[in-house]
C-alpha atoms as a PDB file:
ATOM      1  CA  UNK A   1      32.392  -9.752 -20.662  1.00  0.00           C
ATOM      2  CA  UNK A   2      30.617  -8.877 -17.499  1.00  0.00           C
ATOM      3  CA  UNK A   3      32.007  -5.357 -17.185  1.00  0.00           C
ATOM      4  CA  UNK A   4      30.892  -4.121 -19.919  1.00  0.00           C
ATOM      5  CA  UNK A   5      27.596  -6.079 -19.030  1.00  0.00           C
ATOM      6  CA  UNK A   6      27.396  -3.355 -15.874  1.00  0.00           C
ATOM      7  CA  UNK A   7      28.623  -0.802 -17.819  1.00  0.00           C
ATOM      8  CA  UNK A   8      25.526  -0.910 -20.055  1.00  0.00           C
ATOM      9  CA  UNK A   9      22.865  -1.566 -16.722  1.00  0.00           C
ATOM     10  CA  UNK A  10      24.362   1.280 -15.361  1.00  0.00           C
ATOM     11  CA  UNK A  11      24.261   3.154 -18.421  1.00  0.00           C
ATOM     12  CA  UNK A  12      20.645   2.505 -18.969  1.00  0.00           C
ATOM     13  CA  UNK A  13      19.785   3.485 -15.221  1.00  0.00           C
ATOM     14  CA  UNK A  14      21.330   6.902 -15.971  1.00  0.00           C
ATOM     15  CA  UNK A  15      18.628   7.597 -19.149  1.00  0.00           C
ATOM     16  CA  UNK A  16      15.768   6.070 -16.378  1.00  0.00           C
ATOM     17  CA  UNK A  17      16.653   8.292 -13.874  1.00  0.00           C
ATOM     18  CA  UNK A  18      16.274  11.405 -15.969  1.00  0.00           C
ATOM     19  CA  UNK A  19      12.611  10.664 -15.441  1.00  0.00           C
ATOM     20  CA  UNK A  20      12.970  10.508 -11.756  1.00  0.00           C
ATOM     21  CA  UNK A  21      14.499  14.352 -11.743  1.00  0.00           C
ATOM     22  CA  UNK A  22      12.099  16.487  -9.703  1.00  0.00           C
ATOM     23  CA  UNK A  23      12.248  19.636  -7.379  1.00  0.00           C
ATOM     24  CA  UNK A  24      12.807  19.414  -3.340  1.00  0.00           C
ATOM     25  CA  UNK A  25      11.646  22.124  -1.698  1.00  0.00           C
ATOM     26  CA  UNK A  26      15.227  24.715  -0.769  1.00  0.00           C
ATOM     27  CA  UNK A  27      17.488  22.198  -1.459  1.00  0.00           C
ATOM     28  CA  UNK A  28      19.306  22.706  -3.979  1.00  0.00           C
ATOM     29  CA  UNK A  29      22.327  20.206  -5.450  1.00  0.00           C
ATOM     30  CA  UNK A  30      20.725  17.285  -6.885  1.00  0.00           C
ATOM     31  CA  UNK A  31      22.205  15.185  -4.278  1.00  0.00           C
ATOM     32  CA  UNK A  32      20.282  17.029  -1.335  1.00  0.00           C
ATOM     33  CA  UNK A  33      17.269  17.016  -2.962  1.00  0.00           C
ATOM     34  CA  UNK A  34      17.969  13.366  -3.293  1.00  0.00           C
ATOM     35  CA  UNK A  35      18.356  12.511   0.464  1.00  0.00           C
ATOM     36  CA  UNK A  36      15.229  14.590   1.070  1.00  0.00           C
ATOM     37  CA  UNK A  37      12.993  12.587  -1.046  1.00  0.00           C
ATOM     38  CA  UNK A  38      14.880   9.613   0.454  1.00  0.00           C
ATOM     39  CA  UNK A  39      13.489  10.843   4.200  1.00  0.00           C
ATOM     40  CA  UNK A  40       9.983  11.734   2.709  1.00  0.00           C
ATOM     41  CA  UNK A  41       9.710   8.056   1.359  1.00  0.00           C
ATOM     42  CA  UNK A  42      11.110   6.583   4.311  1.00  0.00           C
ATOM     43  CA  UNK A  43       9.134   7.905   6.847  1.00  0.00           C
ATOM     44  CA  UNK A  44       6.356   6.927   4.451  1.00  0.00           C
ATOM     45  CA  UNK A  45       6.996   3.084   4.239  1.00  0.00           C
ATOM     46  CA  UNK A  46       7.961   3.383   7.704  1.00  0.00           C
ATOM     47  CA  UNK A  47       4.527   4.498   8.956  1.00  0.00           C
ATOM     48  CA  UNK A  48       2.355   2.460   6.421  1.00  0.00           C
ATOM     49  CA  UNK A  49       0.678  -0.360   8.455  1.00  0.00           C
ATOM     50  CA  UNK A  50       0.666  -2.345   5.205  1.00  0.00           C
ATOM     51  CA  UNK A  51       4.982  -2.863   5.936  1.00  0.00           C
ATOM     52  CA  UNK A  52       5.572  -4.640   9.164  1.00  0.00           C
ATOM     53  CA  UNK A  53       8.365  -6.519   8.105  1.00  0.00           C
ATOM     54  CA  UNK A  54      10.147  -3.149   7.206  1.00  0.00           C
ATOM     55  CA  UNK A  55      10.094  -2.303  10.723  1.00  0.00           C
ATOM     56  CA  UNK A  56      11.102  -4.942  12.258  1.00  0.00           C
ATOM     57  CA  UNK A  57      14.036  -5.231   9.820  1.00  0.00           C
ATOM     58  CA  UNK A  58      14.874  -1.361   9.752  1.00  0.00           C
ATOM     59  CA  UNK A  59      15.133  -1.721  13.264  1.00  0.00           C
ATOM     60  CA  UNK A  60      17.499  -4.504  13.047  1.00  0.00           C
ATOM     61  CA  UNK A  61      19.362  -3.619   9.629  1.00  0.00           C
ATOM     62  CA  UNK A  62      23.221  -2.967   9.806  1.00  0.00           C
ATOM     63  CA  UNK A  63      22.574  -0.279   7.124  1.00  0.00           C
ATOM     64  CA  UNK A  64      19.906   0.719   4.379  1.00  0.00           C
ATOM     65  CA  UNK A  65      19.551   1.541   1.283  1.00  0.00           C
ATOM     66  CA  UNK A  66      16.629   3.815   0.061  1.00  0.00           C
ATOM     67  CA  UNK A  67      15.935   4.833  -3.721  1.00  0.00           C
ATOM     68  CA  UNK A  68      12.695   6.529  -3.755  1.00  0.00           C
ATOM     69  CA  UNK A  69      12.056   6.543  -7.184  1.00  0.00           C
ATOM     70  CA  UNK A  70      12.178   3.512  -9.420  1.00  0.00           C
ATOM     71  CA  UNK A  71      11.625   3.619 -12.430  1.00  0.00           C
ATOM     72  CA  UNK A  72      10.728   0.098 -14.287  1.00  0.00           C
ATOM     73  CA  UNK A  73       9.420   0.946 -18.311  1.00  0.00           C
ATOM     74  CA  UNK A  74       9.234  -2.163 -20.714  1.00  0.00           C
ATOM     75  CA  UNK A  75       8.078  -3.028 -24.539  1.00  0.00           C
ATOM     76  CA  UNK A  76       9.675  -6.529 -24.554  1.00  0.00           C
ATOM     77  CA  UNK A  77      13.186  -4.995 -24.020  1.00  0.00           C
ATOM     78  CA  UNK A  78      12.833  -3.100 -20.613  1.00  0.00           C
ATOM     79  CA  UNK A  79      14.972  -1.471 -18.169  1.00  0.00           C
ATOM     80  CA  UNK A  80      15.089  -0.288 -14.319  1.00  0.00           C
ATOM     81  CA  UNK A  81      16.930   2.281 -12.972  1.00  0.00           C
ATOM     82  CA  UNK A  82      16.980   5.284  -9.891  1.00  0.00           C
ATOM     83  CA  UNK A  83      19.349   6.432  -7.479  1.00  0.00           C
ATOM     84  CA  UNK A  84      19.740   6.104  -4.373  1.00  0.00           C
ATOM     85  CA  UNK A  85      21.592   6.515  -0.386  1.00  0.00           C
ATOM     86  CA  UNK A  86      23.153   4.406   1.806  1.00  0.00           C
ATOM     87  CA  UNK A  87      23.508   4.672   5.680  1.00  0.00           C
ATOM     88  CA  UNK A  88      24.941   2.687   8.179  1.00  0.00           C
ATOM     89  CA  UNK A  89      24.002   1.950  11.535  1.00  0.00           C
ATOM     90  CA  UNK A  90      27.816   2.021  13.991  1.00  0.00           C
ATOM     91  CA  UNK A  91      28.350   0.389  16.750  1.00  0.00           C
ATOM     92  CA  UNK A  92      27.976   3.059  18.896  1.00  0.00           C
ATOM     93  CA  UNK A  93      24.223   2.590  17.117  1.00  0.00           C
ATOM     94  CA  UNK A  94      24.371   6.235  15.418  1.00  0.00           C
ATOM     95  CA  UNK A  95      23.732   6.006  11.700  1.00  0.00           C
ATOM     96  CA  UNK A  96      26.638   7.413   9.289  1.00  0.00           C
ATOM     97  CA  UNK A  97      25.610  10.281   7.088  1.00  0.00           C
ATOM     98  CA  UNK A  98      24.091   9.008   3.778  1.00  0.00           C
ATOM     99  CA  UNK A  99      26.380   7.953   0.647  1.00  0.00           C
ATOM    100  CA  UNK A 100      24.976   7.889  -2.917  1.00  0.00           C
ATOM    101  CA  UNK A 101      24.310   5.057  -5.280  1.00  0.00           C
ATOM    102  CA  UNK A 102      22.298   4.096  -8.596  1.00  0.00           C
ATOM    103  CA  UNK A 103      20.345   0.557  -8.840  1.00  0.00           C
ATOM    104  CA  UNK A 104      19.769  -0.485 -12.387  1.00  0.00           C
ATOM    105  CA  UNK A 105      18.844  -4.000 -14.220  1.00  0.00           C
ATOM    106  CA  UNK A 106      17.789  -4.893 -17.664  1.00  0.00           C
ATOM    107  CA  UNK A 107      15.224  -7.643 -18.372  1.00  0.00           C
ATOM    108  CA  UNK A 108      13.553  -9.490 -21.586  1.00  0.00           C
ATOM    109  CA  UNK A 109      10.646 -11.164 -23.011  1.00  0.00           C
ATOM    110  CA  UNK A 110       7.362 -10.434 -23.253  1.00  0.00           C
ATOM    111  CA  UNK A 111       6.829  -7.527 -21.201  1.00  0.00           C
ATOM    112  CA  UNK A 112       4.919  -4.497 -21.637  1.00  0.00           C
ATOM    113  CA  UNK A 113       4.599  -1.426 -19.593  1.00  0.00           C
ATOM    114  CA  UNK A 114       5.626   1.225 -16.654  1.00  0.00           C
ATOM    115  CA  UNK A 115       5.834   0.951 -12.790  1.00  0.00           C
ATOM    116  CA  UNK A 116       6.895   3.847 -10.267  1.00  0.00           C
ATOM    117  CA  UNK A 117       8.270   2.251  -6.885  1.00  0.00           C
ATOM    118  CA  UNK A 118       9.542   3.241  -3.285  1.00  0.00           C
ATOM    119  CA  UNK A 119      11.951   1.270  -2.374  1.00  0.00           C
ATOM    120  CA  UNK A 120      13.812   0.580   0.404  1.00  0.00           C
ATOM    121  CA  UNK A 121      16.098  -2.468   1.340  1.00  0.00           C
ATOM    122  CA  UNK A 122      17.797  -3.628   4.526  1.00  0.00           C
ATOM    123  CA  UNK A 123      20.882  -5.024   4.766  1.00  0.00           C
ATOM    124  CA  UNK A 124      21.160  -7.642   7.430  1.00  0.00           C
ATOM    125  CA  UNK A 125      24.848  -9.071   7.609  1.00  0.00           C
ATOM    126  CA  UNK A 126      28.091  -7.502   7.702  1.00  0.00           C
ATOM    127  CA  UNK A 127      28.938 -10.011   3.967  1.00  0.00           C
ATOM    128  CA  UNK A 128      25.925  -7.950   2.619  1.00  0.00           C
ATOM    129  CA  UNK A 129      27.427  -5.022   3.569  1.00  0.00           C
ATOM    130  CA  UNK A 130      31.006  -6.123   2.620  1.00  0.00           C
ATOM    131  CA  UNK A 131      29.699  -6.647  -0.760  1.00  0.00           C
ATOM    132  CA  UNK A 132      28.089  -3.337  -1.804  1.00  0.00           C
ATOM    133  CA  UNK A 133      30.479  -0.852   0.128  1.00  0.00           C
ATOM    134  CA  UNK A 134      32.981   0.530  -2.504  1.00  0.00           C
ATOM    135  CA  UNK A 135      32.576  -1.386  -5.677  1.00  0.00           C
ATOM    136  CA  UNK A 136      29.531  -2.894  -8.310  1.00  0.00           C
ATOM    137  CA  UNK A 137      27.736  -5.588  -6.965  1.00  0.00           C
ATOM    138  CA  UNK A 138      25.358  -7.254  -8.378  1.00  0.00           C
ATOM    139  CA  UNK A 139      22.135  -8.014  -6.637  1.00  0.00           C
ATOM    140  CA  UNK A 140      21.113 -11.909  -6.017  1.00  0.00           C
ATOM    141  CA  UNK A 141      24.313 -13.249  -8.387  1.00  0.00           C
ATOM    142  CA  UNK A 142      26.910 -11.189  -6.574  1.00  0.00           C
ATOM    143  CA  UNK A 143      29.637 -13.003  -3.821  1.00  0.00           C
ATOM    144  CA  UNK A 144      26.626 -15.491  -2.788  1.00  0.00           C
ATOM    145  CA  UNK A 145      24.946 -12.064  -1.194  1.00  0.00           C
ATOM    146  CA  UNK A 146      20.842 -13.563  -1.519  1.00  0.00           C
ATOM    147  CA  UNK A 147      17.924 -11.062  -1.671  1.00  0.00           C
ATOM    148  CA  UNK A 148      14.410 -11.642  -0.187  1.00  0.00           C
ATOM    149  CA  UNK A 149      11.919  -9.351  -1.817  1.00  0.00           C
ATOM    150  CA  UNK A 150       8.857  -8.905   1.043  1.00  0.00           C
ATOM    151  CA  UNK A 151       5.266  -7.912   0.302  1.00  0.00           C
ATOM    152  CA  UNK A 152       2.835  -5.656   2.185  1.00  0.00           C
ATOM    153  CA  UNK A 153       1.497  -7.537   4.969  1.00  0.00           C
ATOM    154  CA  UNK A 154       4.779  -9.669   5.350  1.00  0.00           C
ATOM    155  CA  UNK A 155       5.896  -9.324   9.192  1.00  0.00           C
ATOM    156  CA  UNK A 156       9.562 -10.453   9.707  1.00  0.00           C
ATOM    157  CA  UNK A 157       9.397 -10.902  13.551  1.00  0.00           C
ATOM    158  CA  UNK A 158       9.541 -14.555  13.785  1.00  0.00           C
ATOM    159  CA  UNK A 159      12.390 -14.834  11.386  1.00  0.00           C
ATOM    160  CA  UNK A 160      10.838 -17.524   9.447  1.00  0.00           C
ATOM    161  CA  UNK A 161      12.592 -18.013   6.792  1.00  0.00           C
ATOM    162  CA  UNK A 162      14.782 -15.196   6.464  1.00  0.00           C
ATOM    163  CA  UNK A 163      18.209 -15.901   5.785  1.00  0.00           C
ATOM    164  CA  UNK A 164      18.805 -13.357   3.335  1.00  0.00           C
ATOM    165  CA  UNK A 165      21.711 -11.169   3.334  1.00  0.00           C
ATOM    166  CA  UNK A 166      19.558  -8.156   2.057  1.00  0.00           C
ATOM    167  CA  UNK A 167      15.322  -7.739   2.253  1.00  0.00           C
ATOM    168  CA  UNK A 168      13.816  -5.089   0.047  1.00  0.00           C
ATOM    169  CA  UNK A 169      10.418  -3.780   0.335  1.00  0.00           C
ATOM    170  CA  UNK A 170       8.678  -1.870  -1.940  1.00  0.00           C
ATOM    171  CA  UNK A 171       5.685   0.393  -2.753  1.00  0.00           C
ATOM    172  CA  UNK A 172       4.747   0.962  -6.787  1.00  0.00           C
ATOM    173  CA  UNK A 173       2.570   2.532  -9.073  1.00  0.00           C
ATOM    174  CA  UNK A 174       1.749   0.669 -12.756  1.00  0.00           C
ATOM    175  CA  UNK A 175       0.736  -2.217 -14.473  1.00  0.00           C
ATOM    176  CA  UNK A 176       4.490  -4.083 -13.369  1.00  0.00           C
ATOM    177  CA  UNK A 177       3.345  -6.710 -10.039  1.00  0.00           C
ATOM    178  CA  UNK A 178       5.956  -6.446  -7.525  1.00  0.00           C
ATOM    179  CA  UNK A 179       9.224  -5.693  -7.989  1.00  0.00           C
ATOM    180  CA  UNK A 180      12.428  -8.322  -8.904  1.00  0.00           C
ATOM    181  CA  UNK A 181      15.756  -7.096  -7.851  1.00  0.00           C
ATOM    182  CA  UNK A 182      17.552 -10.098  -9.350  1.00  0.00           C
ATOM    183  CA  UNK A 183      20.124  -9.529 -11.640  1.00  0.00           C
ATOM    184  CA  UNK A 184      20.203  -5.492 -10.920  1.00  0.00           C
ATOM    185  CA  UNK A 185      23.248  -3.892 -10.530  1.00  0.00           C
ATOM    186  CA  UNK A 186      23.711  -1.492  -6.964  1.00  0.00           C
ATOM    187  CA  UNK A 187      26.742   0.674  -7.675  1.00  0.00           C
ATOM    188  CA  UNK A 188      28.440   3.691  -6.079  1.00  0.00           C
ATOM    189  CA  UNK A 189      27.410   7.522  -7.479  1.00  0.00           C
ATOM    190  CA  UNK A 190      30.594   8.744  -7.616  1.00  0.00           C
ATOM    191  CA  UNK A 191      30.274  11.943  -9.027  1.00  0.00           C
ATOM    192  CA  UNK A 192      27.629  13.153  -6.208  1.00  0.00           C
ATOM    193  CA  UNK A 193      29.945  11.179  -3.364  1.00  0.00           C
ATOM    194  CA  UNK A 194      31.917  13.422  -4.562  1.00  0.00           C
ATOM    195  CA  UNK A 195      29.788  17.147  -4.991  1.00  0.00           C
ATOM    196  CA  UNK A 196      28.701  16.693  -1.299  1.00  0.00           C
ATOM    197  CA  UNK A 197      31.618  15.631   0.575  1.00  0.00           C
ATOM    198  CA  UNK A 198      34.721  16.589  -1.074  1.00  0.00           C
ATOM    199  CA  UNK A 199      37.186  14.935  -3.757  1.00  0.00           C
ATOM    200  CA  UNK A 200      38.740  11.895  -1.703  1.00  0.00           C
ATOM    201  CA  UNK A 201      35.146  11.331  -0.974  1.00  0.00           C
ATOM    202  CA  UNK A 202      34.449   6.983  -1.490  1.00  0.00           C
ATOM    203  CA  UNK A 203      31.618   5.115   0.420  1.00  0.00           C
ATOM    204  CA  UNK A 204      33.870   3.952   3.276  1.00  0.00           C
ATOM    205  CA  UNK A 205      34.955   7.104   3.797  1.00  0.00           C
ATOM    206  CA  UNK A 206      31.340   8.052   4.413  1.00  0.00           C
ATOM    207  CA  UNK A 207      29.905   4.779   6.032  1.00  0.00           C
ATOM    208  CA  UNK A 208      32.468   3.812   7.821  1.00  0.00           C
ATOM    209  CA  UNK A 209      34.912   6.088   8.961  1.00  0.00           C
ATOM    210  CA  UNK A 210      32.540   8.959   9.036  1.00  0.00           C
ATOM    211  CA  UNK A 211      35.669  11.595   7.973  1.00  0.00           C
ATOM    212  CA  UNK A 212      33.263  13.695   5.911  1.00  0.00           C
ATOM    213  CA  UNK A 213      29.949  15.870   7.257  1.00  0.00           C
ATOM    214  CA  UNK A 214      28.359  18.159   5.612  1.00  0.00           C
ATOM    215  CA  UNK A 215      26.454  21.002   6.812  1.00  0.00           C
ATOM    216  CA  UNK A 216      23.007  20.604   5.179  1.00  0.00           C
ATOM    217  CA  UNK A 217      19.218  20.010   6.578  1.00  0.00           C
ATOM    218  CA  UNK A 218      18.759  17.245   4.163  1.00  0.00           C
ATOM    219  CA  UNK A 219      21.285  15.148   5.026  1.00  0.00           C
ATOM    220  CA  UNK A 220      20.578  15.818   9.109  1.00  0.00           C
ATOM    221  CA  UNK A 221      16.857  15.170   8.356  1.00  0.00           C
ATOM    222  CA  UNK A 222      17.762  11.728   6.427  1.00  0.00           C
ATOM    223  CA  UNK A 223      19.734  10.693   9.339  1.00  0.00           C
ATOM    224  CA  UNK A 224      17.083  12.267  11.780  1.00  0.00           C
ATOM    225  CA  UNK A 225      14.446   9.567  10.700  1.00  0.00           C
ATOM    226  CA  UNK A 226      16.494   6.635  10.879  1.00  0.00           C
ATOM    227  CA  UNK A 227      15.410   4.120  13.913  1.00  0.00           C
END
């Protein structure tokens, strides 16, 4: 039952992400375009004074997930979806190339509206990182992985109450207020990883083993802006 629900969520996410596809400069392939949009979103949010908590946590995070355009739409039955990248900080402090992921979720109830969000998730624990590395994971409900959602103006430097495995920050436009990731499924985008890194590429080989590093200005540009 659960694998079927996961497949439905990811199919819905794929449908919603069609609305988020936009051209991005001179970068031709879809993965490269996404990497460039992720760089722009991350730089924008890190430079936004309304998100001091993101700046603090990102500089200490074990990994960062960036979804530059998370679409949410609802008319009683709702869904959210978007493509993103994940980069992992190595023991030497250097960031890996990005692996590509899809994020999606569904909801029910009295809800009407639409929303577009830039989303950054800071993964703070090995438990959180292991959970999302190679398989589909349900945020907030899988293997006890806790997701904290921090809003504008929250400074994380005090550490008060910050015990989650990962923290999500969203900059949103639309009729909905806030972004809830509870129950969202995060899964590797295998076709894009293989398109950019080769047929044998996996999130582990990209993020941990680092056996593949494509010659791409979009990829090197994204890595360069990581804290």
